[in-house]
Amino acid sequence: MELPHLELRLRGGGISILDPSSVDPRYDYDFTNINDKNKEFMRVGIKYARPCGWKRYAIKVLDKFENTVWLGQNNNPGEWPVSYHGTGRNEAKTIAMDGFDLTKGKRFVFGYGVYSTPDIKVAEKYAKRFTYKNNQYLVVLQNRVNPQTLLKLSANQTGVGEYWISPSDKGIRPYGLCIRKL
């Protein structure tokens, strides 16, 4: 997948999804050609489906919170599981810089909170397409969610896929922006 021009634009010009001050390129990761078919990853005992087929741009979070335990990757106490949230280009920028804001929510079909999912394929259904240089792209936020307050709904309950509801916008923290060329 070709994203070199898009990558440069993401970091400070053109379509400007992310402001240069809000990215941390050391943690960017290209999952576009990775297939985890026979692999399993865990975060705090919960399956972590990596965003295969997507390019992840890291959001700068190391100085935003009291600590980074929630961001761990060794299944340590205090670590939060990974979720995804489909959104639009402009919304992704705002959320990446300021975090989720429940006051901007419009639909709360299964209860009040920020909706996300452990399955990027479910999240991409809610992502808004955008065009750059005659190519179409989707954007999905990669988050960590507080497992102590998380409400989980099964695919049977939603009819779409597994949903996770964070009843407070403080219980979900975006740390990556995933982009996929269609």
C-alpha atoms as a PDB file:
ATOM      1  CA  MET A   1       0.000   0.000   0.000  1.00  0.00           C
ATOM      2  CA  GLU A   2       1.408   3.365  -0.970  1.00  0.00           C
ATOM      3  CA  LEU A   3       1.165   6.048   1.685  1.00  0.00           C
ATOM      4  CA  PRO A   4       4.437   7.993   1.435  1.00  0.00           C
ATOM      5  CA  HIS A   5       2.829  11.254   0.278  1.00  0.00           C
ATOM      6  CA  LEU A   6      -0.091  10.775   2.619  1.00  0.00           C
ATOM      7  CA  GLU A   7       2.332  10.104   5.458  1.00  0.00           C
ATOM      8  CA  LEU A   8       4.123  13.393   4.843  1.00  0.00           C
ATOM      9  CA  ARG A   9       0.847  15.229   4.661  1.00  0.00           C
ATOM     10  CA  LEU A  10      -0.375  13.614   7.853  1.00  0.00           C
ATOM     11  CA  ARG A  11       2.586  15.094   9.646  1.00  0.00           C
ATOM     12  CA  GLY A  12       2.113  18.701   8.773  1.00  0.00           C
ATOM     13  CA  GLY A  13       0.530  19.821   5.530  1.00  0.00           C
ATOM     14  CA  GLY A  14      -2.107  19.172   2.914  1.00  0.00           C
ATOM     15  CA  ILE A  15      -4.899  17.056   4.343  1.00  0.00           C
ATOM     16  CA  SER A  16      -3.494  17.427   7.885  1.00  0.00           C
ATOM     17  CA  ILE A  17      -5.167  14.614   9.779  1.00  0.00           C
ATOM     18  CA  LEU A  18      -2.701  14.931  12.625  1.00  0.00           C
ATOM     19  CA  ASP A  19      -0.912  18.016  13.811  1.00  0.00           C
ATOM     20  CA  PRO A  20       2.870  17.424  13.929  1.00  0.00           C
ATOM     21  CA  SER A  21       2.866  18.166  17.667  1.00  0.00           C
ATOM     22  CA  SER A  22       0.419  15.312  18.320  1.00  0.00           C
ATOM     23  CA  VAL A  23       2.355  12.458  16.668  1.00  0.00           C
ATOM     24  CA  ASP A  24       5.111  10.186  17.955  1.00  0.00           C
ATOM     25  CA  PRO A  25       6.721   8.579  14.853  1.00  0.00           C
ATOM     26  CA  ARG A  26       8.917   6.289  16.985  1.00  0.00           C
ATOM     27  CA  TYR A  27       5.818   4.152  17.559  1.00  0.00           C
ATOM     28  CA  ASP A  28       4.346   4.206  14.030  1.00  0.00           C
ATOM     29  CA  TYR A  29       3.865   0.709  12.648  1.00  0.00           C
ATOM     30  CA  ASP A  30       3.043  -0.539   9.184  1.00  0.00           C
ATOM     31  CA  PHE A  31       0.618  -3.475   9.444  1.00  0.00           C
ATOM     32  CA  THR A  32      -0.344  -3.269   5.741  1.00  0.00           C
ATOM     33  CA  ASN A  33       1.391  -6.504   4.716  1.00  0.00           C
ATOM     34  CA  ILE A  34       1.034  -8.424   7.969  1.00  0.00           C
ATOM     35  CA  ASN A  35      -1.272 -11.417   8.368  1.00  0.00           C
ATOM     36  CA  ASP A  36      -1.874 -12.703  11.894  1.00  0.00           C
ATOM     37  CA  LYS A  37      -4.032 -15.632  10.762  1.00  0.00           C
ATOM     38  CA  ASN A  38      -2.333 -18.244  12.977  1.00  0.00           C
ATOM     39  CA  LYS A  39      -1.105 -15.903  15.707  1.00  0.00           C
ATOM     40  CA  GLU A  40      -2.766 -14.657  18.855  1.00  0.00           C
ATOM     41  CA  PHE A  41      -1.882 -11.577  20.854  1.00  0.00           C
ATOM     42  CA  MET A  42      -3.213 -10.691  24.294  1.00  0.00           C
ATOM     43  CA  ARG A  43      -3.551  -7.521  26.336  1.00  0.00           C
ATOM     44  CA  VAL A  44      -4.501  -8.122  29.985  1.00  0.00           C
ATOM     45  CA  GLY A  45      -6.003 -11.506  29.160  1.00  0.00           C
ATOM     46  CA  ILE A  46      -8.148 -10.116  26.317  1.00  0.00           C
ATOM     47  CA  LYS A  47      -7.447 -10.999  22.694  1.00  0.00           C
ATOM     48  CA  TYR A  48      -5.774  -8.179  20.800  1.00  0.00           C
ATOM     49  CA  ALA A  49      -6.511  -8.227  17.079  1.00  0.00           C
ATOM     50  CA  ARG A  50      -3.733  -6.188  15.516  1.00  0.00           C
ATOM     51  CA  PRO A  51      -4.791  -3.816  12.700  1.00  0.00           C
ATOM     52  CA  CYS A  52      -3.500  -5.980   9.851  1.00  0.00           C
ATOM     53  CA  GLY A  53      -3.888  -4.259   6.480  1.00  0.00           C
ATOM     54  CA  TRP A  54      -3.616  -0.789   8.051  1.00  0.00           C
ATOM     55  CA  LYS A  55      -0.809   1.693   8.689  1.00  0.00           C
ATOM     56  CA  ARG A  56      -0.768   2.986  12.281  1.00  0.00           C
ATOM     57  CA  TYR A  57       0.463   6.463  13.123  1.00  0.00           C
ATOM     58  CA  ALA A  58       1.247   6.859  16.811  1.00  0.00           C
ATOM     59  CA  ILE A  59      -0.416   9.644  18.771  1.00  0.00           C
ATOM     60  CA  LYS A  60       1.815  11.316  21.340  1.00  0.00           C
ATOM     61  CA  VAL A  61       0.478  10.178  24.725  1.00  0.00           C
ATOM     62  CA  LEU A  62       3.540   9.806  26.951  1.00  0.00           C
ATOM     63  CA  ASP A  63       3.117  13.268  28.490  1.00  0.00           C
ATOM     64  CA  LYS A  64      -0.701  13.401  28.561  1.00  0.00           C
ATOM     65  CA  PHE A  65      -1.467  11.116  31.511  1.00  0.00           C
ATOM     66  CA  GLU A  66      -0.255  10.451  35.039  1.00  0.00           C
ATOM     67  CA  ASN A  67       1.645   7.323  33.921  1.00  0.00           C
ATOM     68  CA  THR A  68       1.949   4.857  31.033  1.00  0.00           C
ATOM     69  CA  VAL A  69       0.994   1.638  32.831  1.00  0.00           C
ATOM     70  CA  TRP A  70      -2.303   1.584  30.873  1.00  0.00           C
ATOM     71  CA  LEU A  71      -0.277   1.479  27.646  1.00  0.00           C
ATOM     72  CA  GLY A  72       1.839  -1.563  28.556  1.00  0.00           C
ATOM     73  CA  GLN A  73       2.189  -4.618  26.362  1.00  0.00           C
ATOM     74  CA  ASN A  74       3.247  -7.265  28.825  1.00  0.00           C
ATOM     75  CA  ASN A  75      -0.157  -8.041  30.353  1.00  0.00           C
ATOM     76  CA  ASN A  76       0.819  -6.296  33.576  1.00  0.00           C
ATOM     77  CA  PRO A  77      -1.681  -5.117  36.200  1.00  0.00           C
ATOM     78  CA  GLY A  78      -3.043  -1.715  35.253  1.00  0.00           C
ATOM     79  CA  GLU A  79      -2.699  -2.260  31.502  1.00  0.00           C
ATOM     80  CA  TRP A  80      -5.803  -1.516  29.426  1.00  0.00           C
ATOM     81  CA  PRO A  81      -7.038  -3.641  26.475  1.00  0.00           C
ATOM     82  CA  VAL A  82      -7.019  -2.366  22.873  1.00  0.00           C
ATOM     83  CA  SER A  83     -10.092  -1.181  20.976  1.00  0.00           C
ATOM     84  CA  TYR A  84     -10.888   0.588  17.712  1.00  0.00           C
ATOM     85  CA  HIS A  85     -13.241   3.457  16.885  1.00  0.00           C
ATOM     86  CA  GLY A  86     -14.253   4.230  13.289  1.00  0.00           C
ATOM     87  CA  THR A  87     -14.538   7.930  12.553  1.00  0.00           C
ATOM     88  CA  GLY A  88     -13.904  10.633   9.977  1.00  0.00           C
ATOM     89  CA  ARG A  89     -10.738  12.487   9.071  1.00  0.00           C
ATOM     90  CA  ASN A  90     -11.652  15.721  10.887  1.00  0.00           C
ATOM     91  CA  GLU A  91     -13.061  13.950  13.932  1.00  0.00           C
ATOM     92  CA  ALA A  92      -9.922  11.800  14.192  1.00  0.00           C
ATOM     93  CA  LYS A  93      -7.755  14.900  14.395  1.00  0.00           C
ATOM     94  CA  THR A  94      -9.856  16.416  17.165  1.00  0.00           C
ATOM     95  CA  ILE A  95      -9.990  13.177  19.163  1.00  0.00           C
ATOM     96  CA  ALA A  96      -6.251  12.567  18.722  1.00  0.00           C
ATOM     97  CA  MET A  97      -5.445  16.009  20.073  1.00  0.00           C
ATOM     98  CA  ASP A  98      -8.120  16.431  22.750  1.00  0.00           C
ATOM     99  CA  GLY A  99      -9.393  12.917  23.524  1.00  0.00           C
ATOM    100  CA  PHE A 100     -12.962  11.685  23.269  1.00  0.00           C
ATOM    101  CA  ASP A 101     -15.750  14.091  24.233  1.00  0.00           C
ATOM    102  CA  LEU A 102     -19.028  12.440  25.216  1.00  0.00           C
ATOM    103  CA  THR A 103     -20.893  15.740  24.917  1.00  0.00           C
ATOM    104  CA  LYS A 104     -20.482  15.445  21.131  1.00  0.00           C
ATOM    105  CA  GLY A 105     -22.184  12.025  21.035  1.00  0.00           C
ATOM    106  CA  LYS A 106     -25.431  11.740  19.117  1.00  0.00           C
ATOM    107  CA  ARG A 107     -26.580   8.117  19.341  1.00  0.00           C
ATOM    108  CA  PHE A 108     -26.437   5.920  22.406  1.00  0.00           C
ATOM    109  CA  VAL A 109     -28.403   2.894  21.211  1.00  0.00           C
ATOM    110  CA  PHE A 110     -27.020   0.566  23.899  1.00  0.00           C
ATOM    111  CA  GLY A 111     -26.400   3.126  26.636  1.00  0.00           C
ATOM    112  CA  TYR A 112     -24.462   6.298  27.292  1.00  0.00           C
ATOM    113  CA  GLY A 113     -20.730   6.196  26.583  1.00  0.00           C
ATOM    114  CA  VAL A 114     -18.014   6.112  23.970  1.00  0.00           C
ATOM    115  CA  TYR A 115     -18.448   3.115  21.663  1.00  0.00           C
ATOM    116  CA  SER A 116     -15.498   1.112  20.420  1.00  0.00           C
ATOM    117  CA  THR A 117     -14.782  -2.491  19.491  1.00  0.00           C
ATOM    118  CA  PRO A 118     -11.916  -4.988  19.781  1.00  0.00           C
ATOM    119  CA  ASP A 119     -12.425  -5.784  16.062  1.00  0.00           C
ATOM    120  CA  ILE A 120     -11.099  -3.286  13.518  1.00  0.00           C
ATOM    121  CA  LYS A 121     -13.400  -4.832  10.880  1.00  0.00           C
ATOM    122  CA  VAL A 122     -16.395  -3.700  12.956  1.00  0.00           C
ATOM    123  CA  ALA A 123     -14.863  -0.237  13.533  1.00  0.00           C
ATOM    124  CA  GLU A 124     -14.223   0.288   9.826  1.00  0.00           C
ATOM    125  CA  LYS A 125     -17.982   0.052   9.198  1.00  0.00           C
ATOM    126  CA  TYR A 126     -18.251   3.394  11.028  1.00  0.00           C
ATOM    127  CA  ALA A 127     -15.222   5.017   9.389  1.00  0.00           C
ATOM    128  CA  LYS A 128     -15.933   7.781   6.902  1.00  0.00           C
ATOM    129  CA  ARG A 129     -14.182   7.588   3.530  1.00  0.00           C
ATOM    130  CA  PHE A 130     -11.966  10.435   2.475  1.00  0.00           C
ATOM    131  CA  THR A 131     -10.171  11.107  -0.791  1.00  0.00           C
ATOM    132  CA  TYR A 132      -6.558  12.044  -1.250  1.00  0.00           C
ATOM    133  CA  LYS A 133      -4.937  12.243  -4.704  1.00  0.00           C
ATOM    134  CA  ASN A 134      -7.838  10.321  -6.290  1.00  0.00           C
ATOM    135  CA  ASN A 135      -7.504   7.474  -3.774  1.00  0.00           C
ATOM    136  CA  GLN A 136     -10.016   6.610  -1.083  1.00  0.00           C
ATOM    137  CA  TYR A 137      -8.974   5.957   2.507  1.00  0.00           C
ATOM    138  CA  LEU A 138     -10.541   5.048   5.847  1.00  0.00           C
ATOM    139  CA  VAL A 139      -9.423   6.188   9.283  1.00  0.00           C
ATOM    140  CA  VAL A 140      -9.909   4.324  12.572  1.00  0.00           C
ATOM    141  CA  LEU A 141      -8.592   5.287  15.998  1.00  0.00           C
ATOM    142  CA  GLN A 142      -6.723   2.693  18.040  1.00  0.00           C
ATOM    143  CA  ASN A 143      -7.417   3.083  21.756  1.00  0.00           C
ATOM    144  CA  ARG A 144      -6.898   1.635  25.178  1.00  0.00           C
ATOM    145  CA  VAL A 145      -9.999   1.234  27.344  1.00  0.00           C
ATOM    146  CA  ASN A 146     -10.308   1.035  31.107  1.00  0.00           C
ATOM    147  CA  PRO A 147     -11.321  -2.578  31.843  1.00  0.00           C
ATOM    148  CA  GLN A 148     -12.709  -1.606  35.287  1.00  0.00           C
ATOM    149  CA  THR A 149     -15.540   0.472  33.805  1.00  0.00           C
ATOM    150  CA  LEU A 150     -16.000  -1.197  30.420  1.00  0.00           C
ATOM    151  CA  LEU A 151     -19.395  -2.570  29.372  1.00  0.00           C
ATOM    152  CA  LYS A 152     -19.128  -5.333  26.760  1.00  0.00           C
ATOM    153  CA  LEU A 153     -21.887  -6.216  24.307  1.00  0.00           C
ATOM    154  CA  SER A 154     -21.709  -9.358  22.183  1.00  0.00           C
ATOM    155  CA  ALA A 155     -22.315  -9.556  18.434  1.00  0.00           C
ATOM    156  CA  ASN A 156     -25.628 -11.262  19.251  1.00  0.00           C
ATOM    157  CA  GLN A 157     -26.697  -8.237  21.276  1.00  0.00           C
ATOM    158  CA  THR A 158     -25.656  -5.621  18.697  1.00  0.00           C
ATOM    159  CA  GLY A 159     -26.323  -7.479  15.459  1.00  0.00           C
ATOM    160  CA  VAL A 160     -23.095  -5.987  14.063  1.00  0.00           C
ATOM    161  CA  GLY A 161     -20.189  -7.196  16.149  1.00  0.00           C
ATOM    162  CA  GLU A 162     -18.791  -6.891  19.645  1.00  0.00           C
ATOM    163  CA  TYR A 163     -19.136  -3.379  21.083  1.00  0.00           C
ATOM    164  CA  TRP A 164     -17.363  -1.965  24.089  1.00  0.00           C
ATOM    165  CA  ILE A 165     -18.917   1.001  25.844  1.00  0.00           C
ATOM    166  CA  SER A 166     -16.790   3.280  28.009  1.00  0.00           C
ATOM    167  CA  PRO A 167     -19.280   5.165  30.212  1.00  0.00           C
ATOM    168  CA  SER A 168     -16.802   8.033  30.683  1.00  0.00           C
ATOM    169  CA  ASP A 169     -14.646   9.666  28.030  1.00  0.00           C
ATOM    170  CA  LYS A 170     -11.822   9.397  30.598  1.00  0.00           C
ATOM    171  CA  GLY A 171     -12.030   5.586  30.269  1.00  0.00           C
ATOM    172  CA  ILE A 172     -10.898   5.484  26.635  1.00  0.00           C
ATOM    173  CA  ARG A 173      -7.591   6.856  25.389  1.00  0.00           C
ATOM    174  CA  PRO A 174      -6.636   7.072  21.703  1.00  0.00           C
ATOM    175  CA  TYR A 175      -2.995   6.231  21.033  1.00  0.00           C
ATOM    176  CA  GLY A 176      -2.921   5.435  17.325  1.00  0.00           C
ATOM    177  CA  LEU A 177      -4.542   6.493  14.088  1.00  0.00           C
ATOM    178  CA  CYS A 178      -4.936   3.670  11.570  1.00  0.00           C
ATOM    179  CA  ILE A 179      -5.312   4.442   7.866  1.00  0.00           C
ATOM    180  CA  ARG A 180      -6.165   2.039   5.060  1.00  0.00           C
ATOM    181  CA  LYS A 181      -6.270   2.657   1.345  1.00  0.00           C
ATOM    182  CA  LEU A 182      -9.387   1.235  -0.299  1.00  0.00           C
END
